[in-house]
Every structure is written in structure tokens, then in C-alpha cells.
Amino acid sequence: MKGEAQCHIYSLPYQFDNFHYLNNSFQGGRFEKVKCIKMTDIRPFEHEFFKIISQSFPFLQHLSVKNDEQQKNKQHLSNTLIIFPHLRSLHLILAHIDYVEDFLMKKTTHL
């Protein structure tokens, strides 16, 4: 079986408006200039990961999530409300229903 891997290297301060191919290996940081993110991975994005995203990209306007994997830790949702105050567009591409629920249920995420 042939494997494939991708590696993205960036330095701080990150000067770009877009951050493409963000995946679960992202550890966080402060990216105030980034307005658009495209997320994709073969592993599920858990609710807590979106908390890291909202804190790392405070001026995010456009978010695209491509992931058809079911979330594993749905029963352990944080009591902390995740807020995306500047988000204008949300694209859920081939996304599992868990991501739709995560973003559209006001109990966990505020857009």
C-alpha cells in the first residue's frame, strides 16, 4: 500500500490572508491576518479543535471544512461556547453531519 504525507511549514509572524490545508496537526498560535481557512483531514475534527481554531484566528471570515469522518468525542463536548465573531461564510464540503450539528447548534458554537 502506497502512503502519502504532506508537510506545511510556516513562520511567525504569518503574513498571509489564507491558511490552506489546515489539519489536526495544527497546535495553535496567533494568526490575526488570516481571514480564510480551508481545513481537511482523514481524521475527524473534534469539537475542542474548533475551540483552538477560534482562538488562533480571531478575525476569521471564511471557513471551509472537508471531512467525512464522524467525531469520536461528541459526548465530551466542552461547556465553553466556541465563538467565531467575524465569520461570514461556512462551507461544509463532503462533511459528516457531526460538523453541521457542531456549527449550527447554538449550544456549542456561536457564528
PDB file of N, CA and C in Angstrom:
ATOM      1  N   MET A   1       0.840  -1.172   0.000  1.00  0.00           N
ATOM      2  CA  MET A   1       0.000   0.000   0.000  1.00  0.00           C
ATOM      3  C   MET A   1       0.888   1.239   0.000  1.00  0.00           C
ATOM      4  N   LYS A   2       0.622   2.139  -0.898  1.00  0.00           N
ATOM      5  CA  LYS A   2       1.426   3.346  -1.040  1.00  0.00           C
ATOM      6  C   LYS A   2       0.868   4.446  -0.141  1.00  0.00           C
ATOM      7  N   GLY A   3       1.709   5.016   0.733  1.00  0.00           N
ATOM      8  CA  GLY A   3       1.282   6.085   1.636  1.00  0.00           C
ATOM      9  C   GLY A   3       1.642   7.449   1.087  1.00  0.00           C
ATOM     10  N   GLU A   4       0.978   8.435   1.612  1.00  0.00           N
ATOM     11  CA  GLU A   4       1.220   9.804   1.179  1.00  0.00           C
ATOM     12  C   GLU A   4       1.169  10.703   2.404  1.00  0.00           C
ATOM     13  N   ALA A   5       2.040  11.689   2.444  1.00  0.00           N
ATOM     14  CA  ALA A   5       2.063  12.632   3.563  1.00  0.00           C
ATOM     15  C   ALA A   5       2.291  14.037   3.041  1.00  0.00           C
ATOM     16  N   GLN A   6       1.812  15.003   3.799  1.00  0.00           N
ATOM     17  CA  GLN A   6       2.023  16.404   3.467  1.00  0.00           C
ATOM     18  C   GLN A   6       2.620  17.098   4.675  1.00  0.00           C
ATOM     19  N   CYS A   7       3.456  18.070   4.409  1.00  0.00           N
ATOM     20  CA  CYS A   7       4.062  18.855   5.468  1.00  0.00           C
ATOM     21  C   CYS A   7       3.953  20.324   5.098  1.00  0.00           C
ATOM     22  N   HIS A   8       3.463  21.135   6.022  1.00  0.00           N
ATOM     23  CA  HIS A   8       3.349  22.569   5.793  1.00  0.00           C
ATOM     24  C   HIS A   8       4.190  23.287   6.836  1.00  0.00           C
ATOM     25  N   ILE A   9       5.065  24.136   6.355  1.00  0.00           N
ATOM     26  CA  ILE A   9       5.945  24.882   7.243  1.00  0.00           C
ATOM     27  C   ILE A   9       5.609  26.355   7.119  1.00  0.00           C
ATOM     28  N   TYR A  10       5.431  27.003   8.234  1.00  0.00           N
ATOM     29  CA  TYR A  10       5.174  28.436   8.239  1.00  0.00           C
ATOM     30  C   TYR A  10       5.991  29.050   9.363  1.00  0.00           C
ATOM     31  N   SER A  11       6.253  30.323   9.231  1.00  0.00           N
ATOM     32  CA  SER A  11       6.989  31.024  10.272  1.00  0.00           C
ATOM     33  C   SER A  11       6.123  32.159  10.797  1.00  0.00           C
ATOM     34  N   LEU A  12       6.383  32.536  12.018  1.00  0.00           N
ATOM     35  CA  LEU A  12       5.649  33.635  12.633  1.00  0.00           C
ATOM     36  C   LEU A  12       6.490  34.902  12.573  1.00  0.00           C
ATOM     37  N   PRO A  13       5.964  36.060  12.349  1.00  0.00           N
ATOM     38  CA  PRO A  13       4.536  36.281  12.154  1.00  0.00           C
ATOM     39  C   PRO A  13       4.096  35.829  10.764  1.00  0.00           C
ATOM     40  N   TYR A  14       2.947  35.198  10.715  1.00  0.00           N
ATOM     41  CA  TYR A  14       2.354  34.685   9.478  1.00  0.00           C
ATOM     42  C   TYR A  14       1.684  35.855   8.772  1.00  0.00           C
ATOM     43  N   GLN A  15       2.133  36.171   7.561  1.00  0.00           N
ATOM     44  CA  GLN A  15       1.716  37.392   6.877  1.00  0.00           C
ATOM     45  C   GLN A  15       0.624  37.196   5.831  1.00  0.00           C
ATOM     46  N   PHE A  16       0.086  36.018   5.701  1.00  0.00           N
ATOM     47  CA  PHE A  16      -0.864  35.743   4.630  1.00  0.00           C
ATOM     48  C   PHE A  16      -2.312  35.852   5.113  1.00  0.00           C
ATOM     49  N   ASP A  17      -3.236  36.058   4.166  1.00  0.00           N
ATOM     50  CA  ASP A  17      -4.665  36.146   4.474  1.00  0.00           C
ATOM     51  C   ASP A  17      -5.326  34.775   4.522  1.00  0.00           C
ATOM     52  N   ASN A  18      -4.718  33.791   3.861  1.00  0.00           N
ATOM     53  CA  ASN A  18      -5.300  32.454   3.733  1.00  0.00           C
ATOM     54  C   ASN A  18      -4.419  31.414   4.409  1.00  0.00           C
ATOM     55  N   PHE A  19      -5.065  30.391   4.939  1.00  0.00           N
ATOM     56  CA  PHE A  19      -4.347  29.253   5.512  1.00  0.00           C
ATOM     57  C   PHE A  19      -5.035  28.010   4.954  1.00  0.00           C
ATOM     58  N   HIS A  20      -4.404  27.375   3.967  1.00  0.00           N
ATOM     59  CA  HIS A  20      -4.998  26.229   3.280  1.00  0.00           C
ATOM     60  C   HIS A  20      -4.435  24.927   3.835  1.00  0.00           C
ATOM     61  N   TYR A  21      -5.252  23.897   3.788  1.00  0.00           N
ATOM     62  CA  TYR A  21      -4.884  22.537   4.185  1.00  0.00           C
ATOM     63  C   TYR A  21      -4.546  22.427   5.668  1.00  0.00           C
ATOM     64  N   LEU A  22      -5.225  23.193   6.483  1.00  0.00           N
ATOM     65  CA  LEU A  22      -5.051  23.080   7.924  1.00  0.00           C
ATOM     66  C   LEU A  22      -5.629  21.738   8.359  1.00  0.00           C
ATOM     67  N   ASN A  23      -4.900  21.017   9.217  1.00  0.00           N
ATOM     68  CA  ASN A  23      -5.377  19.703   9.649  1.00  0.00           C
ATOM     69  C   ASN A  23      -5.168  19.525  11.144  1.00  0.00           C
ATOM     70  N   ASN A  24      -5.417  18.333  11.641  1.00  0.00           N
ATOM     71  CA  ASN A  24      -5.349  18.053  13.075  1.00  0.00           C
ATOM     72  C   ASN A  24      -3.966  18.223  13.683  1.00  0.00           C
ATOM     73  N   SER A  25      -2.944  18.335  12.877  1.00  0.00           N
ATOM     74  CA  SER A  25      -1.605  18.533  13.430  1.00  0.00           C
ATOM     75  C   SER A  25      -1.379  19.981  13.867  1.00  0.00           C
ATOM     76  N   PHE A  26      -2.313  20.876  13.538  1.00  0.00           N
ATOM     77  CA  PHE A  26      -2.194  22.282  13.932  1.00  0.00           C
ATOM     78  C   PHE A  26      -2.276  22.386  15.452  1.00  0.00           C
ATOM     79  N   GLN A  27      -1.294  23.062  16.053  1.00  0.00           N
ATOM     80  CA  GLN A  27      -1.189  23.157  17.508  1.00  0.00           C
ATOM     81  C   GLN A  27      -1.714  24.473  18.076  1.00  0.00           C
ATOM     82  N   GLY A  28      -2.026  25.412  17.204  1.00  0.00           N
ATOM     83  CA  GLY A  28      -2.490  26.714  17.678  1.00  0.00           C
ATOM     84  C   GLY A  28      -1.442  27.784  17.450  1.00  0.00           C
ATOM     85  N   GLY A  29      -1.758  28.985  17.838  1.00  0.00           N
ATOM     86  CA  GLY A  29      -0.900  30.143  17.645  1.00  0.00           C
ATOM     87  C   GLY A  29      -1.782  31.368  17.516  1.00  0.00           C
ATOM     88  N   ARG A  30      -1.210  32.459  17.096  1.00  0.00           N
ATOM     89  CA  ARG A  30      -1.993  33.689  16.920  1.00  0.00           C
ATOM     90  C   ARG A  30      -1.806  34.160  15.489  1.00  0.00           C
ATOM     91  N   PHE A  31      -2.876  34.119  14.693  1.00  0.00           N
ATOM     92  CA  PHE A  31      -2.836  34.440  13.275  1.00  0.00           C
ATOM     93  C   PHE A  31      -3.875  35.524  12.986  1.00  0.00           C
ATOM     94  N   GLU A  32      -3.563  36.740  13.333  1.00  0.00           N
ATOM     95  CA  GLU A  32      -4.523  37.839  13.235  1.00  0.00           C
ATOM     96  C   GLU A  32      -4.808  38.281  11.808  1.00  0.00           C
ATOM     97  N   LYS A  33      -3.918  38.000  10.867  1.00  0.00           N
ATOM     98  CA  LYS A  33      -4.128  38.423   9.479  1.00  0.00           C
ATOM     99  C   LYS A  33      -4.942  37.428   8.661  1.00  0.00           C
ATOM    100  N   VAL A  34      -5.050  36.204   9.130  1.00  0.00           N
ATOM    101  CA  VAL A  34      -5.743  35.165   8.368  1.00  0.00           C
ATOM    102  C   VAL A  34      -7.251  35.404   8.408  1.00  0.00           C
ATOM    103  N   LYS A  35      -7.849  35.455   7.215  1.00  0.00           N
ATOM    104  CA  LYS A  35      -9.292  35.671   7.074  1.00  0.00           C
ATOM    105  C   LYS A  35     -10.002  34.442   6.509  1.00  0.00           C
ATOM    106  N   CYS A  36      -9.238  33.541   5.882  1.00  0.00           N
ATOM    107  CA  CYS A  36      -9.830  32.386   5.199  1.00  0.00           C
ATOM    108  C   CYS A  36      -9.039  31.118   5.537  1.00  0.00           C
ATOM    109  N   ILE A  37      -9.750  30.076   5.960  1.00  0.00           N
ATOM    110  CA  ILE A  37      -9.122  28.786   6.275  1.00  0.00           C
ATOM    111  C   ILE A  37      -9.829  27.689   5.492  1.00  0.00           C
ATOM    112  N   LYS A  38      -9.018  26.772   4.958  1.00  0.00           N
ATOM    113  CA  LYS A  38      -9.536  25.540   4.358  1.00  0.00           C
ATOM    114  C   LYS A  38      -8.969  24.382   5.165  1.00  0.00           C
ATOM    115  N   MET A  39      -9.864  23.630   5.805  1.00  0.00           N
ATOM    116  CA  MET A  39      -9.471  22.521   6.661  1.00  0.00           C
ATOM    117  C   MET A  39      -9.813  21.198   5.986  1.00  0.00           C
ATOM    118  N   THR A  40      -8.888  20.261   6.065  1.00  0.00           N
ATOM    119  CA  THR A  40      -9.150  18.918   5.556  1.00  0.00           C
ATOM    120  C   THR A  40      -8.268  17.924   6.306  1.00  0.00           C
ATOM    121  N   ASP A  41      -8.789  16.725   6.494  1.00  0.00           N
ATOM    122  CA  ASP A  41      -8.017  15.686   7.175  1.00  0.00           C
ATOM    123  C   ASP A  41      -8.733  14.354   6.982  1.00  0.00           C
ATOM    124  N   ILE A  42      -7.998  13.263   7.183  1.00  0.00           N
ATOM    125  CA  ILE A  42      -8.616  11.939   7.138  1.00  0.00           C
ATOM    126  C   ILE A  42      -9.036  11.499   8.542  1.00  0.00           C
ATOM    127  N   ARG A  43      -8.602  12.240   9.559  1.00  0.00           N
ATOM    128  CA  ARG A  43      -9.034  12.005  10.942  1.00  0.00           C
ATOM    129  C   ARG A  43     -10.104  13.042  11.289  1.00  0.00           C
ATOM    130  N   PRO A  44     -11.029  12.717  12.178  1.00  0.00           N
ATOM    131  CA  PRO A  44     -12.101  13.666  12.487  1.00  0.00           C
ATOM    132  C   PRO A  44     -11.589  14.908  13.217  1.00  0.00           C
ATOM    133  N   PHE A  45     -12.249  16.031  12.965  1.00  0.00           N
ATOM    134  CA  PHE A  45     -12.007  17.258  13.723  1.00  0.00           C
ATOM    135  C   PHE A  45     -12.936  17.217  14.933  1.00  0.00           C
ATOM    136  N   GLU A  46     -12.374  17.194  16.112  1.00  0.00           N
ATOM    137  CA  GLU A  46     -13.189  17.156  17.322  1.00  0.00           C
ATOM    138  C   GLU A  46     -13.607  18.570  17.715  1.00  0.00           C
ATOM    139  N   HIS A  47     -14.620  18.672  18.553  1.00  0.00           N
ATOM    140  CA  HIS A  47     -15.155  19.960  18.989  1.00  0.00           C
ATOM    141  C   HIS A  47     -14.061  20.837  19.603  1.00  0.00           C
ATOM    142  N   GLU A  48     -13.215  20.257  20.420  1.00  0.00           N
ATOM    143  CA  GLU A  48     -12.141  21.017  21.076  1.00  0.00           C
ATOM    144  C   GLU A  48     -11.165  21.616  20.064  1.00  0.00           C
ATOM    145  N   PHE A  49     -11.009  20.970  18.924  1.00  0.00           N
ATOM    146  CA  PHE A  49     -10.113  21.501  17.892  1.00  0.00           C
ATOM    147  C   PHE A  49     -10.674  22.805  17.326  1.00  0.00           C
ATOM    148  N   PHE A  50     -11.985  22.892  17.185  1.00  0.00           N
ATOM    149  CA  PHE A  50     -12.589  24.132  16.698  1.00  0.00           C
ATOM    150  C   PHE A  50     -12.425  25.262  17.716  1.00  0.00           C
ATOM    151  N   LYS A  51     -12.312  24.912  18.973  1.00  0.00           N
ATOM    152  CA  LYS A  51     -12.017  25.916  20.005  1.00  0.00           C
ATOM    153  C   LYS A  51     -10.625  26.502  19.767  1.00  0.00           C
ATOM    154  N   ILE A  52      -9.662  25.656  19.454  1.00  0.00           N
ATOM    155  CA  ILE A  52      -8.303  26.117  19.133  1.00  0.00           C
ATOM    156  C   ILE A  52      -8.330  27.012  17.901  1.00  0.00           C
ATOM    157  N   ILE A  53      -9.107  26.631  16.900  1.00  0.00           N
ATOM    158  CA  ILE A  53      -9.210  27.421  15.667  1.00  0.00           C
ATOM    159  C   ILE A  53      -9.785  28.799  15.967  1.00  0.00           C
ATOM    160  N   SER A  54     -10.858  28.859  16.735  1.00  0.00           N
ATOM    161  CA  SER A  54     -11.490  30.153  17.027  1.00  0.00           C
ATOM    162  C   SER A  54     -10.560  31.070  17.811  1.00  0.00           C
ATOM    163  N   GLN A  55      -9.733  30.524  18.678  1.00  0.00           N
ATOM    164  CA  GLN A  55      -8.795  31.333  19.458  1.00  0.00           C
ATOM    165  C   GLN A  55      -7.569  31.729  18.641  1.00  0.00           C
ATOM    166  N   SER A  56      -7.164  30.896  17.714  1.00  0.00           N
ATOM    167  CA  SER A  56      -5.961  31.160  16.919  1.00  0.00           C
ATOM    168  C   SER A  56      -6.205  32.117  15.766  1.00  0.00           C
ATOM    169  N   PHE A  57      -7.433  32.169  15.287  1.00  0.00           N
ATOM    170  CA  PHE A  57      -7.776  33.007  14.131  1.00  0.00           C
ATOM    171  C   PHE A  57      -8.918  33.950  14.514  1.00  0.00           C
ATOM    172  N   PRO A  58      -8.625  34.999  15.283  1.00  0.00           N
ATOM    173  CA  PRO A  58      -9.691  35.847  15.831  1.00  0.00           C
ATOM    174  C   PRO A  58     -10.474  36.647  14.797  1.00  0.00           C
ATOM    175  N   PHE A  59      -9.928  36.847  13.599  1.00  0.00           N
ATOM    176  CA  PHE A  59     -10.604  37.643  12.575  1.00  0.00           C
ATOM    177  C   PHE A  59     -11.040  36.802  11.375  1.00  0.00           C
ATOM    178  N   LEU A  60     -11.243  35.522  11.609  1.00  0.00           N
ATOM    179  CA  LEU A  60     -11.638  34.591  10.558  1.00  0.00           C
ATOM    180  C   LEU A  60     -12.991  34.981   9.966  1.00  0.00           C
ATOM    181  N   GLN A  61     -13.043  35.047   8.628  1.00  0.00           N
ATOM    182  CA  GLN A  61     -14.282  35.405   7.933  1.00  0.00           C
ATOM    183  C   GLN A  61     -14.851  34.258   7.103  1.00  0.00           C
ATOM    184  N   HIS A  62     -13.985  33.392   6.592  1.00  0.00           N
ATOM    185  CA  HIS A  62     -14.415  32.307   5.706  1.00  0.00           C
ATOM    186  C   HIS A  62     -13.784  30.995   6.184  1.00  0.00           C
ATOM    187  N   LEU A  63     -14.624  30.013   6.432  1.00  0.00           N
ATOM    188  CA  LEU A  63     -14.153  28.717   6.911  1.00  0.00           C
ATOM    189  C   LEU A  63     -14.726  27.616   6.033  1.00  0.00           C
ATOM    190  N   SER A  64     -13.834  26.753   5.553  1.00  0.00           N
ATOM    191  CA  SER A  64     -14.219  25.612   4.735  1.00  0.00           C
ATOM    192  C   SER A  64     -13.729  24.343   5.429  1.00  0.00           C
ATOM    193  N   VAL A  65     -14.639  23.413   5.664  1.00  0.00           N
ATOM    194  CA  VAL A  65     -14.308  22.162   6.349  1.00  0.00           C
ATOM    195  C   VAL A  65     -14.664  21.001   5.432  1.00  0.00           C
ATOM    196  N   LYS A  66     -13.658  20.194   5.118  1.00  0.00           N
ATOM    197  CA  LYS A  66     -13.865  18.989   4.311  1.00  0.00           C
ATOM    198  C   LYS A  66     -13.402  17.796   5.139  1.00  0.00           C
ATOM    199  N   ASN A  67     -14.376  17.029   5.635  1.00  0.00           N
ATOM    200  CA  ASN A  67     -14.051  15.878   6.456  1.00  0.00           C
ATOM    201  C   ASN A  67     -15.316  15.039   6.629  1.00  0.00           C
ATOM    202  N   ASP A  68     -15.285  13.818   6.149  1.00  0.00           N
ATOM    203  CA  ASP A  68     -16.470  12.969   6.260  1.00  0.00           C
ATOM    204  C   ASP A  68     -16.369  11.956   7.399  1.00  0.00           C
ATOM    205  N   GLU A  69     -15.399  12.160   8.286  1.00  0.00           N
ATOM    206  CA  GLU A  69     -15.217  11.257   9.421  1.00  0.00           C
ATOM    207  C   GLU A  69     -16.069  11.703  10.608  1.00  0.00           C
ATOM    208  N   GLN A  70     -16.732  10.749  11.233  1.00  0.00           N
ATOM    209  CA  GLN A  70     -17.562  11.026  12.403  1.00  0.00           C
ATOM    210  C   GLN A  70     -16.693  11.446  13.584  1.00  0.00           C
ATOM    211  N   GLN A  71     -17.149  12.441  14.340  1.00  0.00           N
ATOM    212  CA  GLN A  71     -16.425  12.855  15.537  1.00  0.00           C
ATOM    213  C   GLN A  71     -16.478  11.733  16.570  1.00  0.00           C
ATOM    214  N   LYS A  72     -15.382  11.544  17.282  1.00  0.00           N
ATOM    215  CA  LYS A  72     -15.292  10.453  18.255  1.00  0.00           C
ATOM    216  C   LYS A  72     -15.722  10.882  19.655  1.00  0.00           C
ATOM    217  N   ASN A  73     -15.531  12.155  20.002  1.00  0.00           N
ATOM    218  CA  ASN A  73     -15.757  12.625  21.372  1.00  0.00           C
ATOM    219  C   ASN A  73     -16.980  13.521  21.491  1.00  0.00           C
ATOM    220  N   LYS A  74     -18.053  13.183  20.813  1.00  0.00           N
ATOM    221  CA  LYS A  74     -19.262  14.016  20.847  1.00  0.00           C
ATOM    222  C   LYS A  74     -19.852  14.112  22.248  1.00  0.00           C
ATOM    223  N   GLN A  75     -19.762  13.058  23.036  1.00  0.00           N
ATOM    224  CA  GLN A  75     -20.351  13.070  24.363  1.00  0.00           C
ATOM    225  C   GLN A  75     -19.552  13.920  25.344  1.00  0.00           C
ATOM    226  N   HIS A  76     -18.335  14.322  24.972  1.00  0.00           N
ATOM    227  CA  HIS A  76     -17.480  15.111  25.860  1.00  0.00           C
ATOM    228  C   HIS A  76     -17.394  16.563  25.406  1.00  0.00           C
ATOM    229  N   LEU A  77     -18.479  17.109  24.888  1.00  0.00           N
ATOM    230  CA  LEU A  77     -18.458  18.491  24.419  1.00  0.00           C
ATOM    231  C   LEU A  77     -18.148  19.433  25.572  1.00  0.00           C
ATOM    232  N   SER A  78     -17.331  20.405  25.276  1.00  0.00           N
ATOM    233  CA  SER A  78     -16.925  21.390  26.268  1.00  0.00           C
ATOM    234  C   SER A  78     -18.110  22.259  26.671  1.00  0.00           C
ATOM    235  N   ASN A  79     -18.086  22.739  27.899  1.00  0.00           N
ATOM    236  CA  ASN A  79     -19.092  23.697  28.354  1.00  0.00           C
ATOM    237  C   ASN A  79     -18.808  25.092  27.822  1.00  0.00           C
ATOM    238  N   THR A  80     -17.636  25.291  27.254  1.00  0.00           N
ATOM    239  CA  THR A  80     -17.249  26.583  26.716  1.00  0.00           C
ATOM    240  C   THR A  80     -17.865  26.775  25.335  1.00  0.00           C
ATOM    241  N   LEU A  81     -18.517  27.908  25.152  1.00  0.00           N
ATOM    242  CA  LEU A  81     -19.101  28.248  23.860  1.00  0.00           C
ATOM    243  C   LEU A  81     -17.990  28.686  22.913  1.00  0.00           C
ATOM    244  N   ILE A  82     -17.953  28.114  21.733  1.00  0.00           N
ATOM    245  CA  ILE A  82     -16.965  28.490  20.724  1.00  0.00           C
ATOM    246  C   ILE A  82     -17.564  29.606  19.886  1.00  0.00           C
ATOM    247  N   ILE A  83     -16.811  30.706  19.737  1.00  0.00           N
ATOM    248  CA  ILE A  83     -17.332  31.891  19.050  1.00  0.00           C
ATOM    249  C   ILE A  83     -16.458  32.244  17.854  1.00  0.00           C
ATOM    250  N   PHE A  84     -17.113  32.455  16.720  1.00  0.00           N
ATOM    251  CA  PHE A  84     -16.477  32.972  15.512  1.00  0.00           C
ATOM    252  C   PHE A  84     -17.157  34.308  15.196  1.00  0.00           C
ATOM    253  N   PRO A  85     -16.710  35.409  15.816  1.00  0.00           N
ATOM    254  CA  PRO A  85     -17.445  36.678  15.724  1.00  0.00           C
ATOM    255  C   PRO A  85     -17.467  37.328  14.346  1.00  0.00           C
ATOM    256  N   HIS A  86     -16.497  37.031  13.495  1.00  0.00           N
ATOM    257  CA  HIS A  86     -16.406  37.689  12.191  1.00  0.00           C
ATOM    258  C   HIS A  86     -16.742  36.763  11.021  1.00  0.00           C
ATOM    259  N   LEU A  87     -17.160  35.541  11.309  1.00  0.00           N
ATOM    260  CA  LEU A  87     -17.399  34.561  10.251  1.00  0.00           C
ATOM    261  C   LEU A  87     -18.562  34.983   9.357  1.00  0.00           C
ATOM    262  N   ARG A  88     -18.287  35.044   8.057  1.00  0.00           N
ATOM    263  CA  ARG A  88     -19.296  35.417   7.059  1.00  0.00           C
ATOM    264  C   ARG A  88     -19.769  34.227   6.238  1.00  0.00           C
ATOM    265  N   SER A  89     -18.874  33.260   6.034  1.00  0.00           N
ATOM    266  CA  SER A  89     -19.261  32.092   5.241  1.00  0.00           C
ATOM    267  C   SER A  89     -18.675  30.826   5.848  1.00  0.00           C
ATOM    268  N   LEU A  90     -19.494  29.792   5.836  1.00  0.00           N
ATOM    269  CA  LEU A  90     -19.110  28.478   6.326  1.00  0.00           C
ATOM    270  C   LEU A  90     -19.443  27.475   5.232  1.00  0.00           C
ATOM    271  N   HIS A  91     -18.430  26.752   4.772  1.00  0.00           N
ATOM    272  CA  HIS A  91     -18.615  25.741   3.731  1.00  0.00           C
ATOM    273  C   HIS A  91     -18.284  24.379   4.335  1.00  0.00           C
ATOM    274  N   LEU A  92     -19.269  23.513   4.367  1.00  0.00           N
ATOM    275  CA  LEU A  92     -19.075  22.149   4.836  1.00  0.00           C
ATOM    276  C   LEU A  92     -19.151  21.249   3.615  1.00  0.00           C
ATOM    277  N   ILE A  93     -17.976  20.818   3.144  1.00  0.00           N
ATOM    278  CA  ILE A  93     -17.854  20.086   1.888  1.00  0.00           C
ATOM    279  C   ILE A  93     -17.645  18.608   2.193  1.00  0.00           C
ATOM    280  N   LEU A  94     -18.540  17.772   1.701  1.00  0.00           N
ATOM    281  CA  LEU A  94     -18.467  16.336   1.987  1.00  0.00           C
ATOM    282  C   LEU A  94     -18.261  16.109   3.480  1.00  0.00           C
ATOM    283  N   ALA A  95     -18.955  16.885   4.279  1.00  0.00           N
ATOM    284  CA  ALA A  95     -18.763  16.863   5.724  1.00  0.00           C
ATOM    285  C   ALA A  95     -19.763  15.931   6.397  1.00  0.00           C
ATOM    286  N   HIS A  96     -19.287  15.257   7.411  1.00  0.00           N
ATOM    287  CA  HIS A  96     -20.155  14.411   8.224  1.00  0.00           C
ATOM    288  C   HIS A  96     -21.182  15.300   8.929  1.00  0.00           C
ATOM    289  N   ILE A  97     -22.340  14.761   9.225  1.00  0.00           N
ATOM    290  CA  ILE A  97     -23.419  15.518   9.875  1.00  0.00           C
ATOM    291  C   ILE A  97     -22.980  16.083  11.230  1.00  0.00           C
ATOM    292  N   ASP A  98     -21.984  15.476  11.863  1.00  0.00           N
ATOM    293  CA  ASP A  98     -21.487  15.978  13.149  1.00  0.00           C
ATOM    294  C   ASP A  98     -21.010  17.424  13.047  1.00  0.00           C
ATOM    295  N   TYR A  99     -20.395  17.785  11.929  1.00  0.00           N
ATOM    296  CA  TYR A  99     -19.886  19.150  11.772  1.00  0.00           C
ATOM    297  C   TYR A  99     -21.027  20.136  11.561  1.00  0.00           C
ATOM    298  N   VAL A 100     -22.054  19.702  10.872  1.00  0.00           N
ATOM    299  CA  VAL A 100     -23.241  20.545  10.690  1.00  0.00           C
ATOM    300  C   VAL A 100     -23.860  20.822  12.057  1.00  0.00           C
ATOM    301  N   GLU A 101     -24.032  19.782  12.851  1.00  0.00           N
ATOM    302  CA  GLU A 101     -24.600  19.944  14.190  1.00  0.00           C
ATOM    303  C   GLU A 101     -23.706  20.801  15.071  1.00  0.00           C
ATOM    304  N   ASP A 102     -22.408  20.601  14.984  1.00  0.00           N
ATOM    305  CA  ASP A 102     -21.460  21.351  15.808  1.00  0.00           C
ATOM    306  C   ASP A 102     -21.559  22.854  15.541  1.00  0.00           C
ATOM    307  N   PHE A 103     -21.701  23.229  14.287  1.00  0.00           N
ATOM    308  CA  PHE A 103     -21.734  24.648  13.944  1.00  0.00           C
ATOM    309  C   PHE A 103     -23.120  25.270  14.049  1.00  0.00           C
ATOM    310  N   LEU A 104     -24.150  24.503  13.822  1.00  0.00           N
ATOM    311  CA  LEU A 104     -25.482  25.100  13.770  1.00  0.00           C
ATOM    312  C   LEU A 104     -26.275  24.986  15.070  1.00  0.00           C
ATOM    313  N   MET A 105     -25.792  24.193  16.008  1.00  0.00           N
ATOM    314  CA  MET A 105     -26.463  24.121  17.307  1.00  0.00           C
ATOM    315  C   MET A 105     -25.894  25.207  18.204  1.00  0.00           C
ATOM    316  N   LYS A 106     -26.714  26.102  18.625  1.00  0.00           N
ATOM    317  CA  LYS A 106     -26.254  27.261  19.390  1.00  0.00           C
ATOM    318  C   LYS A 106     -25.747  26.897  20.780  1.00  0.00           C
ATOM    319  N   LYS A 107     -25.890  25.638  21.172  1.00  0.00           N
ATOM    320  CA  LYS A 107     -25.403  25.204  22.476  1.00  0.00           C
ATOM    321  C   LYS A 107     -23.883  25.137  22.520  1.00  0.00           C
ATOM    322  N   THR A 108     -23.253  24.919  21.367  1.00  0.00           N
ATOM    323  CA  THR A 108     -21.808  24.691  21.348  1.00  0.00           C
ATOM    324  C   THR A 108     -21.018  25.746  20.590  1.00  0.00           C
ATOM    325  N   THR A 109     -21.611  26.332  19.552  1.00  0.00           N
ATOM    326  CA  THR A 109     -20.883  27.259  18.685  1.00  0.00           C
ATOM    327  C   THR A 109     -21.765  28.448  18.340  1.00  0.00           C
ATOM    328  N   HIS A 110     -21.172  29.635  18.378  1.00  0.00           N
ATOM    329  CA  HIS A 110     -21.884  30.862  18.004  1.00  0.00           C
ATOM    330  C   HIS A 110     -21.193  31.473  16.797  1.00  0.00           C
ATOM    331  N   LEU A 111     -21.952  31.629  15.705  1.00  0.00           N
ATOM    332  CA  LEU A 111     -21.393  32.207  14.484  1.00  0.00           C
ATOM    333  C   LEU A 111     -21.776  33.663  14.378  1.00  0.00           C
TER     334      LEU A 111
END
